[in-house]
Amino acid sequence: MELITILLILVSVLTLFSGVTMLVGAERGVKPKAAVFFLTTLFAVLWAFSVIIFLNMQPGKDELARVMIFLIYTTPILMMLMQVFYSGWGKKICFKLGILYILATIVFIVVFIADRHTFYENFALDPSAGNSVTFAGGWLYVYYIILTLAMLTTFVLAAVYNAKKEDSKRLRIGNAVFATGLFITGAIAVIFNLILPIFGVYSLVYVGPLTLSVAAILHFYAILRYRLIVLSNTWLKIGSYVILMSVAAVAYMVIFSLIFSLLFKIERVSTEIMIMNFIMIMIVLLILPVFNEVNGFIRSLISVQEINLQYVIRKLNRLATQNVDLNELATFLADNLHFKYIGLVVDGKIYGSEKIEFSKEAIRELSMLETEGHSIWQKVEGHTKQLFLEDNIVAVAELRNAKGRPFGQILVGQPLGKVSFEKRDLTQIELILNLVASIIDSEKRLKA
């Protein structure tokens, strides 16, 4: 049961986080709809935790057991009630059915509280055989099944209707994915939480809450891939990371438990071992980005003739979202493009990876350089070339804005290692220098 408990907790976190992501990340116009989805996930989490508590409950806690049984069977219909409003958002028929279902739910709750024996006969708290509930098979249980199936049919059909009637193909596919998730979750929950308990099989009641992960993942996929709901990029990134971590953790837990049980011939892996492994997973997942960053930096320094293009572009894209320090930018370029010096000439000032005092004549010559054709490289010949070589500058390139107009220059020093400038991969260097020009130009326009 320890593994099931941990998996249910992970699914609860995943489900609740999807609701929080919707509520916080949604645009203002869809906030009310997002709030309804958040309530759906909140009731789903209460359902999962009530199952966890009841299945792990020890004998002698009868009053708490009754409360948990009440929650196990009221939170799902409240969850489905919210789902009816969410899937049928903006449709009058769904709103009217939703009101009808609210009244039907109130009737169920009132009768359940007044006389629980109309729903179930008894329950057993037996750690060896497993905690269970014996159902009365009376009218209230039949009423509950009918109400559940009616709600399930309503919100699945509403999602299918949305998939068929949307003008946009992208939204049609997104709604179809969402409807698939709802149908899978609903069908499995009905089998394991309503039908099997009638025949005395209560040990699998946790399967229903576990399948919430299917609906949560497919719903988020529909948002991410097909923009079913427009969320901010920040929350899409956070949601993607959390879902990937949760899915990876669940997969690892299941595989670890199976392998551990087979190797050591034990039926159950202790909670302590499972929690320790879960913590280790979290640590590894948190360290991975740092490891990738360090690995990229090391690879960028291994060979002076090669550029770790992916690492450099990733770092430059990150710089583009910050206030750019041109001296630091020049230093980064010199280190990762493997030159002894990089200088950026912007607004008549020179920002360099090192402090070099250029002669007045050299600075004057900069403004007189010309490019050849569409190339960004400027011709450095004769006296000018000799003048720049005194300062270890071997090449000069134009900084151009998005319209192709020059607004500055890049000074390139001697390459590191035993290789000439002409033998370096100039295509890669030009790609990076154009990106640098774009970053500097954007910074200039923002300050203006």
Protein backbone atom coordinates (compact mmCIF):
# COMPACT_ATOMS: atom_id res chain seq x y z
CA MET A 1 0.00 0.00 0.00
CA GLU A 2 2.98 2.31 0.54
CA LEU A 3 3.61 2.58 -3.21
CA ILE A 4 -0.08 3.27 -3.90
CA THR A 5 -0.10 6.00 -1.26
CA ILE A 6 2.94 7.72 -2.76
CA LEU A 7 1.52 7.45 -6.27
CA LEU A 8 -1.81 8.92 -5.13
CA ILE A 9 0.03 11.82 -3.49
CA LEU A 10 2.02 12.44 -6.68
CA VAL A 11 -1.14 12.35 -8.79
CA SER A 12 -2.82 14.75 -6.32
CA VAL A 13 0.06 17.20 -6.59
CA LEU A 14 0.01 16.93 -10.38
CA THR A 15 -3.77 17.46 -10.52
CA LEU A 16 -3.81 20.38 -8.10
CA PHE A 17 -0.88 22.05 -9.83
CA SER A 18 -2.69 21.84 -13.18
CA GLY A 19 -5.60 23.69 -11.55
CA VAL A 20 -3.33 26.33 -10.01
CA THR A 21 -1.53 26.78 -13.35
CA MET A 22 -4.88 27.41 -15.05
CA LEU A 23 -6.09 29.80 -12.36
CA VAL A 24 -2.91 31.90 -12.16
CA GLY A 25 -1.67 31.67 -15.75
CA ALA A 26 -4.94 32.17 -17.66
CA GLU A 27 -5.72 35.47 -19.36
CA ARG A 28 -8.22 37.76 -17.67
CA GLY A 29 -11.04 36.89 -20.08
CA VAL A 30 -10.97 33.19 -19.17
CA LYS A 31 -10.32 33.56 -15.42
CA PRO A 32 -13.89 32.51 -14.42
CA LYS A 33 -13.62 29.33 -16.52
CA ALA A 34 -10.15 28.71 -15.06
CA ALA A 35 -11.59 29.12 -11.54
CA VAL A 36 -14.17 26.41 -12.28
CA PHE A 37 -11.39 24.08 -13.45
CA PHE A 38 -9.42 24.86 -10.29
CA LEU A 39 -12.45 23.79 -8.18
CA THR A 40 -12.59 20.60 -10.26
CA THR A 41 -8.99 19.78 -9.37
CA LEU A 42 -9.52 20.74 -5.73
CA PHE A 43 -12.38 18.23 -5.34
CA ALA A 44 -10.28 15.66 -7.20
CA VAL A 45 -7.45 16.08 -4.69
CA LEU A 46 -9.90 15.76 -1.77
CA TRP A 47 -11.16 12.54 -3.33
CA ALA A 48 -7.66 11.12 -3.65
CA PHE A 49 -6.68 12.04 -0.08
CA SER A 50 -9.89 10.66 1.40
CA VAL A 51 -9.10 7.34 -0.34
CA ILE A 52 -5.51 7.45 0.98
CA ILE A 53 -6.62 8.10 4.55
CA PHE A 54 -9.35 5.44 4.54
CA LEU A 55 -7.20 2.68 3.02
CA ASN A 56 -4.40 3.37 5.55
CA MET A 57 -6.66 3.78 8.56
CA GLN A 58 -6.08 1.62 11.65
CA PRO A 59 -8.86 -0.11 13.65
CA GLY A 60 -10.59 1.93 16.34
CA LYS A 61 -11.10 5.10 14.28
CA ASP A 62 -14.70 4.47 13.26
CA GLU A 63 -15.87 8.09 13.36
CA LEU A 64 -13.04 9.27 11.11
CA ALA A 65 -13.71 6.30 8.80
CA ARG A 66 -17.33 7.42 8.37
CA VAL A 67 -16.18 10.93 7.46
CA MET A 68 -13.71 9.54 4.91
CA ILE A 69 -16.36 7.29 3.32
CA PHE A 70 -18.62 10.33 3.04
CA LEU A 71 -15.82 12.27 1.29
CA ILE A 72 -14.89 9.34 -0.95
CA TYR A 73 -18.38 9.41 -2.46
CA THR A 74 -19.30 13.12 -2.33
CA THR A 75 -16.09 14.70 -3.66
CA PRO A 76 -16.23 12.81 -7.00
CA ILE A 77 -19.73 14.04 -7.83
CA LEU A 78 -18.75 17.58 -6.81
CA MET A 79 -15.71 17.22 -9.05
CA MET A 80 -17.87 16.02 -11.96
CA LEU A 81 -20.38 18.79 -11.28
CA MET A 82 -17.62 21.39 -11.79
CA GLN A 83 -16.47 19.50 -14.88
CA VAL A 84 -19.97 19.81 -16.39
CA PHE A 85 -19.74 23.60 -16.09
CA TYR A 86 -16.15 23.66 -17.37
CA SER A 87 -16.68 21.43 -20.42
CA GLY A 88 -20.02 23.05 -21.22
CA TRP A 89 -18.83 26.62 -20.64
CA GLY A 90 -21.01 29.08 -22.58
CA LYS A 91 -23.70 26.52 -23.47
CA LYS A 92 -27.19 27.07 -22.06
CA ILE A 93 -28.13 23.40 -22.07
CA CYS A 94 -25.07 22.52 -19.99
CA PHE A 95 -25.79 25.38 -17.58
CA LYS A 96 -29.38 24.17 -17.11
CA LEU A 97 -28.24 20.57 -16.64
CA GLY A 98 -25.63 21.83 -14.19
CA ILE A 99 -28.32 23.48 -12.06
CA LEU A 100 -30.33 20.24 -12.17
CA TYR A 101 -27.26 18.26 -11.10
CA ILE A 102 -26.65 20.68 -8.22
CA LEU A 103 -30.16 19.95 -6.88
CA ALA A 104 -29.64 16.20 -7.41
CA THR A 105 -26.31 16.36 -5.56
CA ILE A 106 -27.87 18.22 -2.65
CA VAL A 107 -30.54 15.49 -2.41
CA PHE A 108 -27.83 12.80 -2.32
CA ILE A 109 -25.79 14.58 0.36
CA VAL A 110 -28.83 15.28 2.56
CA VAL A 111 -30.08 11.67 2.39
CA PHE A 112 -26.55 10.30 2.94
CA ILE A 113 -26.09 12.43 6.08
CA ALA A 114 -29.61 11.65 7.37
CA ASP A 115 -29.23 7.87 6.97
CA ARG A 116 -25.93 6.50 5.67
CA HIS A 117 -27.33 2.96 5.79
CA THR A 118 -29.36 3.71 2.67
CA PHE A 119 -25.99 3.90 0.87
CA TYR A 120 -23.74 1.39 2.64
CA GLU A 121 -24.34 -1.22 5.31
CA ASN A 122 -21.01 -1.30 7.12
CA PHE A 123 -17.26 -0.94 6.81
CA ALA A 124 -14.28 -2.93 8.05
CA LEU A 125 -10.92 -1.59 9.23
CA ASP A 126 -8.71 -4.62 8.83
CA PRO A 127 -4.99 -3.96 8.06
CA SER A 128 -4.33 -7.60 7.08
CA ALA A 129 -7.27 -8.04 4.67
CA GLY A 130 -7.52 -4.35 3.70
CA ASN A 131 -10.09 -1.76 4.71
CA SER A 132 -13.40 -2.05 2.86
CA VAL A 133 -17.00 -0.88 2.63
CA THR A 134 -20.05 -3.12 2.30
CA PHE A 135 -22.80 -1.53 0.23
CA ALA A 136 -26.48 -1.82 0.98
CA GLY A 137 -27.51 -2.10 -2.66
CA GLY A 138 -30.47 0.16 -1.91
CA TRP A 139 -32.06 2.97 -3.89
CA LEU A 140 -29.49 5.63 -2.89
CA TYR A 141 -26.58 3.68 -4.37
CA VAL A 142 -28.52 3.19 -7.61
CA TYR A 143 -29.38 6.91 -7.53
CA TYR A 144 -25.66 7.68 -7.06
CA ILE A 145 -24.65 5.53 -10.05
CA ILE A 146 -27.28 7.14 -12.28
CA LEU A 147 -26.23 10.64 -11.21
CA THR A 148 -22.56 9.82 -11.81
CA LEU A 149 -23.20 8.35 -15.26
CA ALA A 150 -25.42 11.31 -16.21
CA MET A 151 -22.72 13.84 -15.27
CA LEU A 152 -19.99 11.80 -16.94
CA THR A 153 -22.01 11.55 -20.15
CA THR A 154 -22.79 15.28 -20.08
CA PHE A 155 -19.24 16.60 -19.81
CA VAL A 156 -17.77 14.04 -22.20
CA LEU A 157 -20.44 14.85 -24.82
CA ALA A 158 -19.86 18.57 -24.24
CA ALA A 159 -16.15 18.10 -24.94
CA VAL A 160 -16.94 16.01 -28.03
CA TYR A 161 -19.38 18.70 -29.22
CA ASN A 162 -16.65 21.33 -28.79
CA ALA A 163 -14.29 19.15 -30.81
CA LYS A 164 -16.78 18.94 -33.69
CA LYS A 165 -18.09 22.50 -33.75
CA GLU A 166 -14.88 24.52 -33.38
CA ASP A 167 -13.95 26.44 -36.53
CA SER A 168 -10.25 26.06 -35.88
CA LYS A 169 -8.75 22.65 -36.67
CA ARG A 170 -6.22 23.20 -33.90
CA LEU A 171 -8.97 23.71 -31.28
CA ARG A 172 -10.96 20.76 -32.64
CA ILE A 173 -8.00 18.45 -32.10
CA GLY A 174 -7.34 19.99 -28.66
CA ASN A 175 -10.91 19.36 -27.56
CA ALA A 176 -10.75 15.81 -28.94
CA VAL A 177 -7.62 15.14 -26.85
CA PHE A 178 -9.32 16.59 -23.77
CA ALA A 179 -12.49 14.53 -24.39
CA THR A 180 -10.36 11.38 -24.70
CA GLY A 181 -8.76 12.06 -21.33
CA LEU A 182 -12.13 12.62 -19.69
CA PHE A 183 -13.60 9.44 -21.18
CA ILE A 184 -10.65 7.24 -20.14
CA THR A 185 -10.64 8.60 -16.59
CA GLY A 186 -14.41 8.41 -16.23
CA ALA A 187 -14.75 4.89 -17.64
CA ILE A 188 -12.00 3.45 -15.42
CA ALA A 189 -13.34 5.25 -12.33
CA VAL A 190 -16.86 3.88 -12.90
CA ILE A 191 -15.54 0.31 -13.20
CA PHE A 192 -13.23 0.35 -10.17
CA ASN A 193 -15.14 2.71 -7.87
CA LEU A 194 -18.78 1.89 -8.59
CA ILE A 195 -19.16 -1.52 -10.22
CA LEU A 196 -16.46 -3.70 -8.61
CA PRO A 197 -17.32 -2.62 -5.00
CA ILE A 198 -20.85 -4.00 -5.55
CA PHE A 199 -19.24 -7.43 -6.00
CA GLY A 200 -17.14 -7.03 -2.87
CA VAL A 201 -13.91 -5.90 -4.62
CA TYR A 202 -12.92 -2.81 -2.65
CA SER A 203 -9.13 -3.23 -2.67
CA LEU A 204 -8.87 -1.49 -6.05
CA VAL A 205 -10.84 1.64 -5.15
CA TYR A 206 -7.63 3.69 -5.45
CA VAL A 207 -7.51 3.11 -9.24
CA GLY A 208 -10.15 5.80 -9.87
CA PRO A 209 -8.16 8.65 -8.27
CA LEU A 210 -4.97 7.39 -9.96
CA THR A 211 -6.54 7.79 -13.41
CA LEU A 212 -6.97 11.51 -12.72
CA SER A 213 -3.40 11.76 -13.99
CA VAL A 214 -4.58 10.72 -17.47
CA ALA A 215 -7.11 13.57 -17.67
CA ALA A 216 -4.67 16.09 -16.14
CA ILE A 217 -1.82 15.21 -18.51
CA LEU A 218 -3.97 15.13 -21.66
CA HIS A 219 -5.67 18.39 -20.67
CA PHE A 220 -2.32 20.12 -20.19
CA TYR A 221 -1.06 18.61 -23.46
CA ALA A 222 -4.11 20.06 -25.25
CA ILE A 223 -3.28 23.47 -23.73
CA LEU A 224 0.42 23.22 -24.56
CA ARG A 225 0.15 21.74 -28.05
CA TYR A 226 -3.16 23.13 -29.32
CA ARG A 227 -3.63 26.20 -27.08
CA LEU A 228 -7.02 24.99 -25.84
CA ILE A 229 -6.71 27.68 -23.17
CA VAL A 230 -4.28 30.57 -23.58
CA LEU A 231 -1.80 30.60 -20.68
CA SER A 232 1.23 32.81 -20.17
CA ASN A 233 4.55 31.37 -21.37
CA THR A 234 5.95 31.44 -17.84
CA TRP A 235 3.23 29.18 -16.49
CA LEU A 236 3.42 26.91 -19.53
CA LYS A 237 7.13 26.39 -18.78
CA ILE A 238 6.53 25.81 -15.07
CA GLY A 239 3.61 23.46 -15.77
CA SER A 240 5.61 21.47 -18.33
CA TYR A 241 8.52 21.06 -15.93
CA VAL A 242 6.31 19.97 -13.02
CA ILE A 243 4.35 17.48 -15.14
CA LEU A 244 7.53 15.98 -16.60
CA MET A 245 9.02 15.67 -13.11
CA SER A 246 5.82 14.06 -11.78
CA VAL A 247 5.53 11.57 -14.64
CA ALA A 248 9.23 10.68 -14.34
CA ALA A 249 8.86 10.22 -10.58
CA VAL A 250 5.79 7.98 -10.97
CA ALA A 251 7.50 5.83 -13.61
CA TYR A 252 10.64 5.56 -11.48
CA MET A 253 8.67 4.62 -8.36
CA VAL A 254 6.80 1.83 -10.13
CA ILE A 255 9.92 0.42 -11.83
CA PHE A 256 11.99 0.69 -8.64
CA SER A 257 9.32 -1.04 -6.56
CA LEU A 258 9.00 -3.93 -9.04
CA ILE A 259 12.77 -4.45 -9.36
CA PHE A 260 13.34 -4.13 -5.60
CA SER A 261 10.58 -6.64 -4.84
CA LEU A 262 11.91 -9.16 -7.38
CA LEU A 263 15.55 -8.85 -6.27
CA PHE A 264 14.96 -9.04 -2.53
CA LYS A 265 11.86 -11.29 -2.60
CA ILE A 266 9.72 -8.96 -0.52
CA GLU A 267 6.08 -8.10 -1.10
CA ARG A 268 6.21 -4.45 -0.07
CA VAL A 269 8.93 -1.85 -0.24
CA SER A 270 9.00 0.18 2.98
CA THR A 271 7.73 3.76 2.98
CA GLU A 272 11.14 5.01 4.16
CA ILE A 273 12.92 3.51 1.14
CA MET A 274 10.29 4.87 -1.26
CA ILE A 275 10.48 8.36 0.24
CA MET A 276 14.29 8.31 0.17
CA ASN A 277 14.23 7.34 -3.50
CA PHE A 278 11.68 10.04 -4.23
CA ILE A 279 13.90 12.64 -2.55
CA MET A 280 16.88 11.39 -4.58
CA ILE A 281 14.86 11.77 -7.78
CA MET A 282 14.01 15.36 -6.88
CA ILE A 283 17.66 16.13 -6.12
CA VAL A 284 18.82 14.64 -9.43
CA LEU A 285 16.14 16.52 -11.39
CA LEU A 286 17.09 19.79 -9.69
CA ILE A 287 20.82 19.21 -10.31
CA LEU A 288 20.39 18.29 -13.98
CA PRO A 289 20.04 21.89 -15.25
CA VAL A 290 23.17 22.87 -13.32
CA PHE A 291 25.04 19.85 -14.69
CA ASN A 292 23.96 20.70 -18.25
CA GLU A 293 25.13 24.28 -17.78
CA VAL A 294 28.54 23.22 -16.46
CA ASN A 295 28.87 20.55 -19.13
CA GLY A 296 28.09 23.07 -21.85
CA PHE A 297 30.63 25.51 -20.43
CA ILE A 298 33.35 22.84 -20.25
CA ARG A 299 32.63 21.64 -23.78
CA SER A 300 32.86 25.22 -25.02
CA LEU A 301 36.41 25.40 -23.65
CA ILE A 302 37.71 22.00 -24.77
CA SER A 303 38.60 22.85 -28.37
CA VAL A 304 39.53 26.36 -29.43
CA GLN A 305 38.76 25.55 -33.07
CA GLU A 306 35.15 24.56 -32.38
CA ILE A 307 32.24 26.49 -30.93
CA ASN A 308 29.56 24.91 -28.77
CA LEU A 309 26.90 26.70 -30.79
CA GLN A 310 23.93 25.42 -28.78
CA TYR A 311 25.43 26.57 -25.48
CA VAL A 312 26.42 30.01 -26.81
CA ILE A 313 23.02 30.68 -28.39
CA ARG A 314 21.20 29.53 -25.24
CA LYS A 315 23.27 31.90 -23.11
CA LEU A 316 22.77 34.78 -25.56
CA ASN A 317 19.00 34.21 -25.59
CA ARG A 318 19.05 34.38 -21.82
CA LEU A 319 21.07 37.62 -21.95
CA ALA A 320 18.48 39.07 -24.31
CA THR A 321 15.92 39.08 -21.47
CA GLN A 322 18.20 41.06 -19.13
CA ASN A 323 19.93 44.42 -19.05
CA VAL A 324 23.01 43.84 -21.18
CA ASP A 325 26.44 44.82 -19.85
CA LEU A 326 28.49 45.23 -23.05
CA ASN A 327 31.83 44.57 -21.33
CA GLU A 328 30.50 41.30 -19.91
CA LEU A 329 29.00 40.41 -23.29
CA ALA A 330 32.36 41.02 -24.99
CA THR A 331 34.11 38.85 -22.37
CA PHE A 332 31.60 36.04 -22.87
CA LEU A 333 32.11 36.16 -26.64
CA ALA A 334 35.91 36.14 -26.33
CA ASP A 335 35.80 33.13 -23.98
CA ASN A 336 33.34 31.07 -26.02
CA LEU A 337 34.33 32.05 -29.56
CA HIS A 338 37.95 31.46 -28.51
CA PHE A 339 39.56 34.79 -29.37
CA LYS A 340 42.10 36.68 -27.31
CA TYR A 341 39.96 39.80 -27.56
CA ILE A 342 36.47 40.90 -28.56
CA GLY A 343 35.51 44.56 -28.62
CA LEU A 344 32.09 46.13 -29.21
CA VAL A 345 32.02 49.63 -30.71
CA VAL A 346 28.64 51.22 -29.91
CA ASP A 347 27.81 54.94 -29.93
CA GLY A 348 31.46 55.86 -30.33
CA LYS A 349 32.57 53.90 -27.26
CA ILE A 350 34.57 50.66 -27.16
CA TYR A 351 33.51 47.91 -24.74
CA GLY A 352 36.03 45.10 -24.60
CA SER A 353 36.82 41.76 -22.99
CA GLU A 354 40.09 43.40 -21.94
CA LYS A 355 41.08 47.00 -21.46
CA ILE A 356 43.04 48.06 -24.56
CA GLU A 357 44.01 51.65 -25.23
CA PHE A 358 43.50 52.14 -28.95
CA SER A 359 45.44 54.89 -30.67
CA LYS A 360 43.48 57.87 -31.93
CA GLU A 361 44.52 56.97 -35.45
CA ALA A 362 43.12 53.42 -35.08
CA ILE A 363 39.79 54.75 -33.76
CA ARG A 364 39.61 57.22 -36.67
CA GLU A 365 40.30 54.42 -39.15
CA LEU A 366 37.34 52.42 -37.76
CA SER A 367 34.82 54.92 -39.11
CA MET A 368 36.36 54.69 -42.58
CA LEU A 369 36.14 50.91 -43.03
CA GLU A 370 33.79 49.53 -45.67
CA THR A 371 32.11 46.16 -46.22
CA GLU A 372 32.27 44.10 -49.38
CA GLY A 373 28.90 43.03 -50.82
CA HIS A 374 26.44 41.68 -48.25
CA SER A 375 29.14 40.44 -45.90
CA ILE A 376 29.32 41.84 -42.36
CA TRP A 377 33.12 41.76 -42.46
CA GLN A 378 34.85 45.02 -43.20
CA LYS A 379 37.98 45.26 -45.36
CA VAL A 380 41.09 45.82 -43.26
CA GLU A 381 44.00 46.33 -45.63
CA GLY A 382 47.36 48.06 -46.03
CA HIS A 383 48.23 50.66 -43.41
CA THR A 384 44.98 50.08 -41.51
CA LYS A 385 45.70 46.36 -41.17
CA GLN A 386 49.19 47.04 -39.84
CA LEU A 387 47.76 49.62 -37.44
CA PHE A 388 45.20 47.18 -36.01
CA LEU A 389 47.73 44.34 -35.76
CA GLU A 390 49.64 46.49 -33.27
CA ASP A 391 46.58 46.13 -31.02
CA ASN A 392 46.15 42.42 -31.93
CA ILE A 393 42.94 43.07 -33.92
CA VAL A 394 42.68 40.78 -36.96
CA ALA A 395 39.11 41.42 -38.18
CA VAL A 396 36.27 43.93 -37.90
CA ALA A 397 32.57 43.24 -38.49
CA GLU A 398 29.56 45.54 -38.73
CA LEU A 399 26.75 45.47 -36.17
CA ARG A 400 23.50 45.72 -38.13
CA ASN A 401 19.94 46.24 -36.91
CA ALA A 402 16.87 44.36 -38.14
CA LYS A 403 16.64 46.64 -41.20
CA GLY A 404 20.23 45.93 -42.17
CA ARG A 405 21.53 49.35 -41.15
CA PRO A 406 24.93 49.49 -39.41
CA PHE A 407 24.99 50.97 -35.91
CA GLY A 408 28.33 49.74 -34.56
CA GLN A 409 31.24 47.35 -35.00
CA ILE A 410 32.77 44.23 -33.49
CA LEU A 411 36.56 44.02 -33.15
CA VAL A 412 37.95 40.48 -33.27
CA GLY A 413 41.37 39.70 -31.77
CA GLN A 414 43.80 36.90 -32.48
CA PRO A 415 42.32 33.35 -32.35
CA LEU A 416 43.40 31.11 -29.49
CA GLY A 417 45.51 28.09 -30.36
CA LYS A 418 47.60 27.40 -33.42
CA VAL A 419 45.03 28.35 -36.04
CA SER A 420 44.63 31.41 -38.23
CA PHE A 421 41.47 33.52 -38.33
CA GLU A 422 40.76 32.44 -41.93
CA LYS A 423 40.63 28.76 -40.89
CA ARG A 424 37.97 29.30 -38.24
CA ASP A 425 34.35 28.42 -39.03
CA LEU A 426 33.25 31.92 -40.05
CA THR A 427 29.66 30.80 -40.75
CA GLN A 428 29.13 29.95 -37.07
CA ILE A 429 30.85 33.13 -35.97
CA GLU A 430 28.71 35.28 -38.29
CA LEU A 431 25.52 33.61 -36.96
CA ILE A 432 26.50 34.46 -33.40
CA LEU A 433 27.61 38.02 -34.24
CA ASN A 434 24.27 38.70 -35.96
CA LEU A 435 22.47 37.49 -32.83
CA VAL A 436 24.69 39.76 -30.72
CA ALA A 437 23.81 42.68 -32.99
CA SER A 438 20.11 41.93 -32.51
CA ILE A 439 20.49 41.86 -28.71
CA ILE A 440 22.40 45.17 -28.61
CA ASP A 441 19.95 46.84 -31.01
CA SER A 442 16.97 45.71 -28.90
CA GLU A 443 18.65 47.07 -25.77
CA LYS A 444 19.31 50.41 -27.48
CA ARG A 445 15.67 50.72 -28.61
CA LEU A 446 14.38 49.88 -25.12
CA LYS A 447 16.58 52.56 -23.55
CA ALA A 448 15.46 55.06 -26.18
